[in-house]
């Protein structure tokens, strides 16, 4: 799978509304057949930063995502709300879902 984590620094005046601002893009991406997950979290240390954790089935699914109409639209509509260019880590991982964190296994 293609595993991506991106940090988005949002302009302070838009930070509280970011989930709403990105909602259409988020819904459309989650509906893509090759999207495994697309999840936003807000930083506990910086209220103007959101972290996006996303995964796509394979290279073809990742390519379909960046070629989609909703991605092209997001390239136009999201940057005016950003304080800086997002930072990204992008890796190919040999798995299709989350692994268990055995070091913190929950005991029944």
Protein backbone atom coordinates (compact mmCIF):
# COMPACT_ATOMS: atom_id res chain seq x y z
CA UNK A 1 0.00 0.00 0.00
CA UNK A 2 0.95 3.65 -0.33
CA UNK A 3 1.06 5.14 3.18
CA UNK A 4 1.09 8.93 3.49
CA UNK A 5 1.23 11.27 6.44
CA UNK A 6 1.00 15.01 5.82
CA UNK A 7 1.09 17.99 8.17
CA UNK A 8 -1.07 20.98 7.27
CA UNK A 9 -0.49 24.32 9.02
CA UNK A 10 -3.73 26.24 8.71
CA UNK A 11 -4.11 30.01 8.91
CA UNK A 12 -5.31 30.73 12.47
CA UNK A 13 -8.53 32.35 11.27
CA UNK A 14 -9.47 29.12 9.42
CA UNK A 15 -8.17 26.46 11.83
CA UNK A 16 -11.42 25.81 13.71
CA UNK A 17 -13.29 25.41 10.41
CA UNK A 18 -10.69 23.20 8.67
CA UNK A 19 -12.75 19.97 8.96
CA UNK A 20 -15.64 21.78 7.25
CA UNK A 21 -13.35 23.41 4.66
CA UNK A 22 -11.80 20.03 3.74
CA UNK A 23 -15.05 18.03 4.07
CA UNK A 24 -15.92 17.74 0.37
CA UNK A 25 -12.39 16.65 -0.51
CA UNK A 26 -12.34 14.20 2.40
CA UNK A 27 -15.69 12.61 1.44
CA UNK A 28 -14.72 12.27 -2.22
CA UNK A 29 -11.34 10.76 -1.39
CA UNK A 30 -12.82 8.26 1.06
CA UNK A 31 -15.22 7.16 -1.70
CA UNK A 32 -12.38 6.27 -4.08
CA UNK A 33 -12.24 2.49 -4.61
CA UNK A 34 -8.48 2.38 -3.85
CA UNK A 35 -8.59 4.50 -0.69
CA UNK A 36 -7.97 2.43 2.43
CA UNK A 37 -8.29 5.36 4.84
CA UNK A 38 -8.13 9.15 4.90
CA UNK A 39 -8.17 10.50 8.46
CA UNK A 40 -7.57 13.98 9.85
CA UNK A 41 -6.38 14.73 13.40
CA UNK A 42 -5.73 18.05 15.06
CA UNK A 43 -2.40 18.52 16.82
CA UNK A 44 -2.51 18.63 20.61
CA UNK A 45 0.48 20.98 20.62
CA UNK A 46 -0.48 23.38 17.83
CA UNK A 47 -4.18 24.15 17.25
CA UNK A 48 -3.34 25.44 13.77
CA UNK A 49 -1.87 22.13 12.62
CA UNK A 50 -3.77 19.13 11.27
CA UNK A 51 -2.22 15.78 10.45
CA UNK A 52 -3.61 13.71 7.61
CA UNK A 53 -3.00 9.96 7.64
CA UNK A 54 -3.99 8.32 4.38
CA UNK A 55 -3.42 5.06 2.56
CA UNK A 56 -4.14 3.77 -0.91
CA UNK A 57 -4.23 0.17 -2.07
CA UNK A 58 -1.34 0.49 -4.56
CA UNK A 59 0.47 2.81 -6.96
CA UNK A 60 -2.47 2.81 -9.37
CA UNK A 61 -4.88 3.88 -6.63
CA UNK A 62 -2.49 6.64 -5.55
CA UNK A 63 -2.18 7.85 -9.14
CA UNK A 64 -5.96 7.80 -9.57
CA UNK A 65 -6.27 9.94 -6.44
CA UNK A 66 -3.93 12.70 -7.62
CA UNK A 67 -5.54 12.66 -11.08
CA UNK A 68 -9.10 12.88 -9.76
CA UNK A 69 -11.31 15.92 -10.26
CA UNK A 70 -11.76 16.39 -6.52
CA UNK A 71 -7.96 16.44 -6.03
CA UNK A 72 -7.60 19.06 -8.78
CA UNK A 73 -10.36 21.11 -7.16
CA UNK A 74 -8.69 20.81 -3.73
CA UNK A 75 -5.46 22.12 -5.25
CA UNK A 76 -7.37 25.34 -5.95
CA UNK A 77 -9.66 25.62 -2.92
CA UNK A 78 -7.50 24.47 0.02
CA UNK A 79 -4.21 26.45 -0.32
CA UNK A 80 -5.78 29.87 0.45
CA UNK A 81 -6.53 28.51 3.94
CA UNK A 82 -2.97 27.28 4.55
CA UNK A 83 -0.20 29.12 6.37
CA UNK A 84 2.51 27.16 4.52
CA UNK A 85 2.99 24.34 2.05
CA UNK A 86 2.07 21.01 3.69
CA UNK A 87 4.88 18.63 4.64
CA UNK A 88 4.58 14.97 3.67
CA UNK A 89 6.02 11.52 4.25
CA UNK A 90 5.11 9.05 1.50
CA UNK A 91 6.14 5.38 1.60
CA UNK A 92 5.23 2.08 0.02
CA UNK A 93 4.51 -0.47 2.74
CA UNK A 94 4.12 -4.21 2.25
CA UNK A 95 0.75 -4.57 4.00
CA UNK A 96 -2.89 -3.61 3.44
CA UNK A 97 -4.05 -2.63 6.93
CA UNK A 98 -2.79 -1.54 10.33
CA UNK A 99 -0.61 -3.95 12.32
CA UNK A 100 -1.10 -4.49 16.04
CA UNK A 101 1.27 -2.70 18.42
CA UNK A 102 2.27 -5.81 20.34
CA UNK A 103 4.29 -3.89 22.93
CA UNK A 104 1.02 -2.40 24.20
CA UNK A 105 -1.23 -5.40 23.81
CA UNK A 106 -4.46 -5.18 25.74
CA UNK A 107 -4.93 -8.10 28.10
CA UNK A 108 -8.41 -9.42 28.79
